[in-house]
Amino acid sequence: MFFVYIIEATESKRYYIGQTEDLEERLSKHNQGRNLSTRPYIPWQLKWWKGYETRSEAVKVERKLKGIKKRVGLEKYVRVNDFSGCGAVG
């Protein structure tokens, strides 16, 4: 199973979108500063995720999400497409 995930920086409220095979390990790497693009905004919390059978499916959805530039549009997409989540949209 492969996951598309959205994490949120707890202070700046920025979103980061990615895909992985292991959500817990990936979130841990983000919070350890092992990703250059997320390091300045530590700590991160998992907001939404959705599982896919193949990496190619997950990459396709990840690219789609990264193409949505507005926060409202991204939040609408996860709500309409049944992403699981830890926090309310908005």
PDB file of N, CA and C in Angstrom:
ATOM      1  N   MET A   1       0.858  -1.183   0.000  1.00  0.00           N
ATOM      2  CA  MET A   1       0.000   0.000   0.000  1.00  0.00           C
ATOM      3  C   MET A   1       0.898   1.237   0.000  1.00  0.00           C
ATOM      4  N   PHE A   2       0.519   2.202  -0.798  1.00  0.00           N
ATOM      5  CA  PHE A   2       1.231   3.478  -0.881  1.00  0.00           C
ATOM      6  C   PHE A   2       0.269   4.582  -0.476  1.00  0.00           C
ATOM      7  N   PHE A   3       0.793   5.600   0.167  1.00  0.00           N
ATOM      8  CA  PHE A   3      -0.043   6.659   0.710  1.00  0.00           C
ATOM      9  C   PHE A   3       0.335   8.018   0.135  1.00  0.00           C
ATOM     10  N   VAL A   4      -0.678   8.806  -0.152  1.00  0.00           N
ATOM     11  CA  VAL A   4      -0.498  10.228  -0.410  1.00  0.00           C
ATOM     12  C   VAL A   4      -0.862  10.899   0.896  1.00  0.00           C
ATOM     13  N   TYR A   5      -0.029  11.834   1.335  1.00  0.00           N
ATOM     14  CA  TYR A   5      -0.269  12.448   2.632  1.00  0.00           C
ATOM     15  C   TYR A   5      -0.092  13.963   2.560  1.00  0.00           C
ATOM     16  N   ILE A   6      -0.741  14.624   3.479  1.00  0.00           N
ATOM     17  CA  ILE A   6      -0.590  16.068   3.646  1.00  0.00           C
ATOM     18  C   ILE A   6      -0.256  16.291   5.111  1.00  0.00           C
ATOM     19  N   ILE A   7       0.860  16.982   5.332  1.00  0.00           N
ATOM     20  CA  ILE A   7       1.239  17.345   6.690  1.00  0.00           C
ATOM     21  C   ILE A   7       1.143  18.853   6.825  1.00  0.00           C
ATOM     22  N   GLU A   8       0.981  19.309   8.054  1.00  0.00           N
ATOM     23  CA  GLU A   8       0.858  20.739   8.326  1.00  0.00           C
ATOM     24  C   GLU A   8       1.882  21.136   9.387  1.00  0.00           C
ATOM     25  N   ALA A   9       2.592  22.221   9.125  1.00  0.00           N
ATOM     26  CA  ALA A   9       3.524  22.760  10.109  1.00  0.00           C
ATOM     27  C   ALA A   9       2.707  23.370  11.234  1.00  0.00           C
ATOM     28  N   THR A  10       3.006  22.993  12.462  1.00  0.00           N
ATOM     29  CA  THR A  10       2.154  23.418  13.572  1.00  0.00           C
ATOM     30  C   THR A  10       2.202  24.919  13.835  1.00  0.00           C
ATOM     31  N   GLU A  11       3.316  25.573  13.546  1.00  0.00           N
ATOM     32  CA  GLU A  11       3.396  27.017  13.794  1.00  0.00           C
ATOM     33  C   GLU A  11       2.992  27.853  12.581  1.00  0.00           C
ATOM     34  N   SER A  12       3.572  27.558  11.415  1.00  0.00           N
ATOM     35  CA  SER A  12       3.313  28.393  10.230  1.00  0.00           C
ATOM     36  C   SER A  12       2.043  27.999   9.495  1.00  0.00           C
ATOM     37  N   LYS A  13       1.498  26.821   9.806  1.00  0.00           N
ATOM     38  CA  LYS A  13       0.282  26.299   9.169  1.00  0.00           C
ATOM     39  C   LYS A  13       0.479  25.999   7.678  1.00  0.00           C
ATOM     40  N   ARG A  14       1.723  25.856   7.231  1.00  0.00           N
ATOM     41  CA  ARG A  14       2.009  25.476   5.854  1.00  0.00           C
ATOM     42  C   ARG A  14       1.646  24.009   5.655  1.00  0.00           C
ATOM     43  N   TYR A  15       1.258  23.680   4.427  1.00  0.00           N
ATOM     44  CA  TYR A  15       1.018  22.298   4.057  1.00  0.00           C
ATOM     45  C   TYR A  15       2.192  21.780   3.241  1.00  0.00           C
ATOM     46  N   TYR A  16       2.438  20.487   3.357  1.00  0.00           N
ATOM     47  CA  TYR A  16       3.394  19.789   2.511  1.00  0.00           C
ATOM     48  C   TYR A  16       2.703  18.520   2.036  1.00  0.00           C
ATOM     49  N   ILE A  17       2.833  18.215   0.757  1.00  0.00           N
ATOM     50  CA  ILE A  17       2.193  17.054   0.152  1.00  0.00           C
ATOM     51  C   ILE A  17       3.275  16.081  -0.293  1.00  0.00           C
ATOM     52  N   GLY A  18       3.068  14.796  -0.009  1.00  0.00           N
ATOM     53  CA  GLY A  18       4.024  13.789  -0.438  1.00  0.00           C
ATOM     54  C   GLY A  18       3.367  12.432  -0.583  1.00  0.00           C
ATOM     55  N   GLN A  19       4.181  11.434  -0.947  1.00  0.00           N
ATOM     56  CA  GLN A  19       3.693  10.066  -1.028  1.00  0.00           C
ATOM     57  C   GLN A  19       4.769   9.149  -0.475  1.00  0.00           C
ATOM     58  N   THR A  20       4.326   8.051   0.125  1.00  0.00           N
ATOM     59  CA  THR A  20       5.253   7.138   0.800  1.00  0.00           C
ATOM     60  C   THR A  20       4.621   5.766   0.957  1.00  0.00           C
ATOM     61  N   GLU A  21       5.448   4.815   1.340  1.00  0.00           N
ATOM     62  CA  GLU A  21       4.942   3.481   1.657  1.00  0.00           C
ATOM     63  C   GLU A  21       4.776   3.308   3.168  1.00  0.00           C
ATOM     64  N   ASP A  22       5.397   4.192   3.957  1.00  0.00           N
ATOM     65  CA  ASP A  22       5.358   4.091   5.421  1.00  0.00           C
ATOM     66  C   ASP A  22       5.112   5.478   6.025  1.00  0.00           C
ATOM     67  N   LEU A  23       3.869   5.744   6.391  1.00  0.00           N
ATOM     68  CA  LEU A  23       3.493   7.074   6.902  1.00  0.00           C
ATOM     69  C   LEU A  23       4.240   7.457   8.178  1.00  0.00           C
ATOM     70  N   GLU A  24       4.314   6.543   9.136  1.00  0.00           N
ATOM     71  CA  GLU A  24       4.971   6.868  10.413  1.00  0.00           C
ATOM     72  C   GLU A  24       6.439   7.218  10.216  1.00  0.00           C
ATOM     73  N   GLU A  25       7.135   6.409   9.446  1.00  0.00           N
ATOM     74  CA  GLU A  25       8.559   6.656   9.206  1.00  0.00           C
ATOM     75  C   GLU A  25       8.767   7.975   8.464  1.00  0.00           C
ATOM     76  N   ARG A  26       7.912   8.243   7.486  1.00  0.00           N
ATOM     77  CA  ARG A  26       8.064   9.470   6.698  1.00  0.00           C
ATOM     78  C   ARG A  26       7.815  10.704   7.555  1.00  0.00           C
ATOM     79  N   LEU A  27       6.796  10.689   8.383  1.00  0.00           N
ATOM     80  CA  LEU A  27       6.528  11.817   9.269  1.00  0.00           C
ATOM     81  C   LEU A  27       7.695  12.022  10.228  1.00  0.00           C
ATOM     82  N   SER A  28       8.238  10.939  10.730  1.00  0.00           N
ATOM     83  CA  SER A  28       9.392  11.019  11.614  1.00  0.00           C
ATOM     84  C   SER A  28      10.575  11.692  10.912  1.00  0.00           C
ATOM     85  N   LYS A  29      10.819  11.333   9.662  1.00  0.00           N
ATOM     86  CA  LYS A  29      11.912  11.955   8.900  1.00  0.00           C
ATOM     87  C   LYS A  29      11.682  13.449   8.710  1.00  0.00           C
ATOM     88  N   HIS A  30      10.430  13.832   8.443  1.00  0.00           N
ATOM     89  CA  HIS A  30      10.128  15.266   8.314  1.00  0.00           C
ATOM     90  C   HIS A  30      10.441  15.985   9.624  1.00  0.00           C
ATOM     91  N   ASN A  31      10.055  15.406  10.734  1.00  0.00           N
ATOM     92  CA  ASN A  31      10.250  16.055  12.036  1.00  0.00           C
ATOM     93  C   ASN A  31      11.681  15.969  12.564  1.00  0.00           C
ATOM     94  N   GLN A  32      12.488  15.112  11.985  1.00  0.00           N
ATOM     95  CA  GLN A  32      13.911  15.042  12.338  1.00  0.00           C
ATOM     96  C   GLN A  32      14.748  15.982  11.474  1.00  0.00           C
ATOM     97  N   GLY A  33      14.098  16.667  10.522  1.00  0.00           N
ATOM     98  CA  GLY A  33      14.820  17.587   9.657  1.00  0.00           C
ATOM     99  C   GLY A  33      15.560  16.901   8.524  1.00  0.00           C
ATOM    100  N   ARG A  34      15.131  15.707   8.147  1.00  0.00           N
ATOM    101  CA  ARG A  34      15.813  14.952   7.106  1.00  0.00           C
ATOM    102  C   ARG A  34      15.274  15.242   5.716  1.00  0.00           C
ATOM    103  N   ASN A  35      14.443  16.273   5.583  1.00  0.00           N
ATOM    104  CA  ASN A  35      13.930  16.714   4.293  1.00  0.00           C
ATOM    105  C   ASN A  35      14.206  18.211   4.204  1.00  0.00           C
ATOM    106  N   LEU A  36      14.994  18.623   3.220  1.00  0.00           N
ATOM    107  CA  LEU A  36      15.404  20.030   3.121  1.00  0.00           C
ATOM    108  C   LEU A  36      14.228  20.994   3.002  1.00  0.00           C
ATOM    109  N   SER A  37      13.200  20.604   2.254  1.00  0.00           N
ATOM    110  CA  SER A  37      12.097  21.552   2.039  1.00  0.00           C
ATOM    111  C   SER A  37      11.181  21.692   3.254  1.00  0.00           C
ATOM    112  N   THR A  38      11.196  20.738   4.171  1.00  0.00           N
ATOM    113  CA  THR A  38      10.333  20.852   5.345  1.00  0.00           C
ATOM    114  C   THR A  38      11.095  21.217   6.614  1.00  0.00           C
ATOM    115  N   ARG A  39      12.395  21.112   6.584  1.00  0.00           N
ATOM    116  CA  ARG A  39      13.225  21.358   7.780  1.00  0.00           C
ATOM    117  C   ARG A  39      12.947  22.710   8.450  1.00  0.00           C
ATOM    118  N   PRO A  40      12.817  23.810   7.690  1.00  0.00           N
ATOM    119  CA  PRO A  40      12.633  25.110   8.361  1.00  0.00           C
ATOM    120  C   PRO A  40      11.323  25.260   9.136  1.00  0.00           C
ATOM    121  N   TYR A  41      10.383  24.354   8.909  1.00  0.00           N
ATOM    122  CA  TYR A  41       9.037  24.532   9.489  1.00  0.00           C
ATOM    123  C   TYR A  41       8.670  23.476  10.529  1.00  0.00           C
ATOM    124  N   ILE A  42       9.654  22.728  11.015  1.00  0.00           N
ATOM    125  CA  ILE A  42       9.425  21.708  12.048  1.00  0.00           C
ATOM    126  C   ILE A  42       8.797  22.362  13.271  1.00  0.00           C
ATOM    127  N   PRO A  43       7.850  21.760  13.930  1.00  0.00           N
ATOM    128  CA  PRO A  43       7.335  20.404  13.790  1.00  0.00           C
ATOM    129  C   PRO A  43       6.151  20.326  12.823  1.00  0.00           C
ATOM    130  N   TRP A  44       5.941  19.103  12.322  1.00  0.00           N
ATOM    131  CA  TRP A  44       4.854  18.794  11.384  1.00  0.00           C
ATOM    132  C   TRP A  44       3.899  17.807  12.026  1.00  0.00           C
ATOM    133  N   GLN A  45       2.638  17.896  11.609  1.00  0.00           N
ATOM    134  CA  GLN A  45       1.665  16.895  12.043  1.00  0.00           C
ATOM    135  C   GLN A  45       0.920  16.383  10.820  1.00  0.00           C
ATOM    136  N   LEU A  46       0.576  15.117  10.837  1.00  0.00           N
ATOM    137  CA  LEU A  46      -0.166  14.503   9.745  1.00  0.00           C
ATOM    138  C   LEU A  46      -1.591  15.034   9.758  1.00  0.00           C
ATOM    139  N   LYS A  47      -2.050  15.528   8.619  1.00  0.00           N
ATOM    140  CA  LYS A  47      -3.408  16.075   8.506  1.00  0.00           C
ATOM    141  C   LYS A  47      -4.341  15.100   7.801  1.00  0.00           C
ATOM    142  N   TRP A  48      -3.960  14.688   6.564  1.00  0.00           N
ATOM    143  CA  TRP A  48      -4.802  13.799   5.762  1.00  0.00           C
ATOM    144  C   TRP A  48      -3.943  12.797   5.025  1.00  0.00           C
ATOM    145  N   TRP A  49      -4.533  11.645   4.705  1.00  0.00           N
ATOM    146  CA  TRP A  49      -3.846  10.631   3.928  1.00  0.00           C
ATOM    147  C   TRP A  49      -4.860   9.750   3.226  1.00  0.00           C
ATOM    148  N   LYS A  50      -4.396   9.107   2.168  1.00  0.00           N
ATOM    149  CA  LYS A  50      -5.234   8.146   1.447  1.00  0.00           C
ATOM    150  C   LYS A  50      -4.325   7.082   0.858  1.00  0.00           C
ATOM    151  N   GLY A  51      -4.752   5.826   0.956  1.00  0.00           N
ATOM    152  CA  GLY A  51      -3.968   4.705   0.463  1.00  0.00           C
ATOM    153  C   GLY A  51      -4.303   4.339  -0.969  1.00  0.00           C
ATOM    154  N   TYR A  52      -3.292   3.858  -1.697  1.00  0.00           N
ATOM    155  CA  TYR A  52      -3.438   3.417  -3.085  1.00  0.00           C
ATOM    156  C   TYR A  52      -2.690   2.099  -3.257  1.00  0.00           C
ATOM    157  N   GLU A  53      -3.148   1.280  -4.184  1.00  0.00           N
ATOM    158  CA  GLU A  53      -2.552  -0.023  -4.422  1.00  0.00           C
ATOM    159  C   GLU A  53      -1.152   0.072  -5.017  1.00  0.00           C
ATOM    160  N   THR A  54      -0.911   1.053  -5.886  1.00  0.00           N
ATOM    161  CA  THR A  54       0.386   1.147  -6.561  1.00  0.00           C
ATOM    162  C   THR A  54       1.017   2.521  -6.337  1.00  0.00           C
ATOM    163  N   ARG A  55       2.346   2.559  -6.454  1.00  0.00           N
ATOM    164  CA  ARG A  55       3.053   3.836  -6.335  1.00  0.00           C
ATOM    165  C   ARG A  55       2.647   4.771  -7.471  1.00  0.00           C
ATOM    166  N   SER A  56       2.426   4.236  -8.656  1.00  0.00           N
ATOM    167  CA  SER A  56       2.066   5.104  -9.787  1.00  0.00           C
ATOM    168  C   SER A  56       0.736   5.818  -9.536  1.00  0.00           C
ATOM    169  N   GLU A  57      -0.224   5.139  -8.914  1.00  0.00           N
ATOM    170  CA  GLU A  57      -1.482   5.801  -8.557  1.00  0.00           C
ATOM    171  C   GLU A  57      -1.222   6.918  -7.545  1.00  0.00           C
ATOM    172  N   ALA A  58      -0.415   6.624  -6.539  1.00  0.00           N
ATOM    173  CA  ALA A  58      -0.113   7.615  -5.503  1.00  0.00           C
ATOM    174  C   ALA A  58       0.612   8.823  -6.086  1.00  0.00           C
ATOM    175  N   VAL A  59       1.561   8.582  -6.977  1.00  0.00           N
ATOM    176  CA  VAL A  59       2.305   9.687  -7.596  1.00  0.00           C
ATOM    177  C   VAL A  59       1.368  10.557  -8.431  1.00  0.00           C
ATOM    178  N   LYS A  60       0.437   9.933  -9.134  1.00  0.00           N
ATOM    179  CA  LYS A  60      -0.528  10.678  -9.953  1.00  0.00           C
ATOM    180  C   LYS A  60      -1.365  11.614  -9.072  1.00  0.00           C
ATOM    181  N   VAL A  61      -1.863  11.118  -7.950  1.00  0.00           N
ATOM    182  CA  VAL A  61      -2.676  11.940  -7.046  1.00  0.00           C
ATOM    183  C   VAL A  61      -1.809  13.015  -6.383  1.00  0.00           C
ATOM    184  N   GLU A  62      -0.577  12.661  -5.991  1.00  0.00           N
ATOM    185  CA  GLU A  62       0.332  13.641  -5.395  1.00  0.00           C
ATOM    186  C   GLU A  62       0.551  14.818  -6.343  1.00  0.00           C
ATOM    187  N   ARG A  63       0.799  14.526  -7.612  1.00  0.00           N
ATOM    188  CA  ARG A  63       1.000  15.596  -8.606  1.00  0.00           C
ATOM    189  C   ARG A  63      -0.246  16.465  -8.745  1.00  0.00           C
ATOM    190  N   LYS A  64      -1.417  15.806  -8.744  1.00  0.00           N
ATOM    191  CA  LYS A  64      -2.673  16.558  -8.835  1.00  0.00           C
ATOM    192  C   LYS A  64      -2.803  17.513  -7.650  1.00  0.00           C
ATOM    193  N   LEU A  65      -2.546  17.008  -6.443  1.00  0.00           N
ATOM    194  CA  LEU A  65      -2.648  17.845  -5.242  1.00  0.00           C
ATOM    195  C   LEU A  65      -1.647  18.999  -5.276  1.00  0.00           C
ATOM    196  N   LYS A  66      -0.432  18.724  -5.719  1.00  0.00           N
ATOM    197  CA  LYS A  66       0.585  19.777  -5.775  1.00  0.00           C
ATOM    198  C   LYS A  66       0.235  20.843  -6.801  1.00  0.00           C
ATOM    199  N   GLY A  67      -0.630  20.495  -7.753  1.00  0.00           N
ATOM    200  CA  GLY A  67      -1.087  21.469  -8.745  1.00  0.00           C
ATOM    201  C   GLY A  67      -2.186  22.388  -8.232  1.00  0.00           C
ATOM    202  N   ILE A  68      -2.775  22.040  -7.110  1.00  0.00           N
ATOM    203  CA  ILE A  68      -3.821  22.877  -6.508  1.00  0.00           C
ATOM    204  C   ILE A  68      -3.118  23.907  -5.644  1.00  0.00           C
ATOM    205  N   LYS A  69      -3.152  25.144  -6.029  1.00  0.00           N
ATOM    206  CA  LYS A  69      -2.338  26.163  -5.369  1.00  0.00           C
ATOM    207  C   LYS A  69      -3.012  26.840  -4.173  1.00  0.00           C
ATOM    208  N   LYS A  70      -4.314  26.789  -4.111  1.00  0.00           N
ATOM    209  CA  LYS A  70      -5.006  27.465  -3.014  1.00  0.00           C
ATOM    210  C   LYS A  70      -5.394  26.469  -1.925  1.00  0.00           C
ATOM    211  N   ARG A  71      -5.231  26.891  -0.699  1.00  0.00           N
ATOM    212  CA  ARG A  71      -5.542  26.063   0.469  1.00  0.00           C
ATOM    213  C   ARG A  71      -6.989  25.578   0.450  1.00  0.00           C
ATOM    214  N   VAL A  72      -7.906  26.455   0.098  1.00  0.00           N
ATOM    215  CA  VAL A  72      -9.334  26.105   0.057  1.00  0.00           C
ATOM    216  C   VAL A  72      -9.578  24.996  -0.966  1.00  0.00           C
ATOM    217  N   GLY A  73      -8.929  25.089  -2.121  1.00  0.00           N
ATOM    218  CA  GLY A  73      -9.083  24.071  -3.149  1.00  0.00           C
ATOM    219  C   GLY A  73      -8.532  22.728  -2.708  1.00  0.00           C
ATOM    220  N   LEU A  74      -7.404  22.740  -2.036  1.00  0.00           N
ATOM    221  CA  LEU A  74      -6.791  21.514  -1.532  1.00  0.00           C
ATOM    222  C   LEU A  74      -7.687  20.865  -0.479  1.00  0.00           C
ATOM    223  N   GLU A  75      -8.191  21.666   0.441  1.00  0.00           N
ATOM    224  CA  GLU A  75      -9.071  21.140   1.490  1.00  0.00           C
ATOM    225  C   GLU A  75     -10.367  20.586   0.907  1.00  0.00           C
ATOM    226  N   LYS A  76     -10.892  21.230  -0.129  1.00  0.00           N
ATOM    227  CA  LYS A  76     -12.095  20.724  -0.799  1.00  0.00           C
ATOM    228  C   LYS A  76     -11.798  19.377  -1.460  1.00  0.00           C
ATOM    229  N   TYR A  77     -10.643  19.268  -2.107  1.00  0.00           N
ATOM    230  CA  TYR A  77     -10.267  18.025  -2.784  1.00  0.00           C
ATOM    231  C   TYR A  77     -10.201  16.861  -1.795  1.00  0.00           C
ATOM    232  N   VAL A  78      -9.562  17.048  -0.656  1.00  0.00           N
ATOM    233  CA  VAL A  78      -9.444  15.935   0.304  1.00  0.00           C
ATOM    234  C   VAL A  78     -10.810  15.564   0.888  1.00  0.00           C
ATOM    235  N   ARG A  79     -11.666  16.537   1.056  1.00  0.00           N
ATOM    236  CA  ARG A  79     -13.010  16.266   1.587  1.00  0.00           C
ATOM    237  C   ARG A  79     -13.835  15.478   0.557  1.00  0.00           C
ATOM    238  N   VAL A  80     -13.825  15.909  -0.680  1.00  0.00           N
ATOM    239  CA  VAL A  80     -14.623  15.286  -1.739  1.00  0.00           C
ATOM    240  C   VAL A  80     -14.092  13.896  -2.105  1.00  0.00           C
ATOM    241  N   ASN A  81     -12.792  13.683  -1.952  1.00  0.00           N
ATOM    242  CA  ASN A  81     -12.180  12.426  -2.373  1.00  0.00           C
ATOM    243  C   ASN A  81     -11.889  11.466  -1.224  1.00  0.00           C
ATOM    244  N   ASP A  82     -12.566  11.659  -0.114  1.00  0.00           N
ATOM    245  CA  ASP A  82     -12.558  10.708   1.005  1.00  0.00           C
ATOM    246  C   ASP A  82     -11.177  10.390   1.572  1.00  0.00           C
ATOM    247  N   PHE A  83     -10.368  11.420   1.785  1.00  0.00           N
ATOM    248  CA  PHE A  83      -9.100  11.222   2.481  1.00  0.00           C
ATOM    249  C   PHE A  83      -9.409  11.009   3.960  1.00  0.00           C
ATOM    250  N   SER A  84      -8.618  10.196   4.630  1.00  0.00           N
ATOM    251  CA  SER A  84      -8.721  10.055   6.073  1.00  0.00           C
ATOM    252  C   SER A  84      -8.013  11.259   6.680  1.00  0.00           C
ATOM    253  N   GLY A  85      -8.358  11.617   7.904  1.00  0.00           N
ATOM    254  CA  GLY A  85      -7.720  12.783   8.464  1.00  0.00           C
ATOM    255  C   GLY A  85      -7.677  12.831   9.964  1.00  0.00           C
ATOM    256  N   CYS A  86      -6.752  13.659  10.437  1.00  0.00           N
ATOM    257  CA  CYS A  86      -6.572  13.889  11.866  1.00  0.00           C
ATOM    258  C   CYS A  86      -7.158  15.215  12.291  1.00  0.00           C
ATOM    259  N   GLY A  87      -7.519  16.045  11.342  1.00  0.00           N
ATOM    260  CA  GLY A  87      -8.005  17.372  11.696  1.00  0.00           C
ATOM    261  C   GLY A  87      -9.147  17.791  10.794  1.00  0.00           C
ATOM    262  N   ALA A  88      -9.894  18.734  11.250  1.00  0.00           N
ATOM    263  CA  ALA A  88     -11.017  19.239  10.468  1.00  0.00           C
ATOM    264  C   ALA A  88     -10.505  20.052   9.293  1.00  0.00           C
ATOM    265  N   VAL A  89     -11.262  20.039   8.209  1.00  0.00           N
ATOM    266  CA  VAL A  89     -10.930  20.859   7.047  1.00  0.00           C
ATOM    267  C   VAL A  89     -11.203  22.301   7.405  1.00  0.00           C
ATOM    268  N   GLY A  90     -10.241  23.154   7.068  1.00  0.00           N
ATOM    269  CA  GLY A  90     -10.430  24.575   7.299  1.00  0.00           C
ATOM    270  C   GLY A  90      -9.776  25.020   8.477  1.00  0.00           C
TER     271      GLY A  90
END
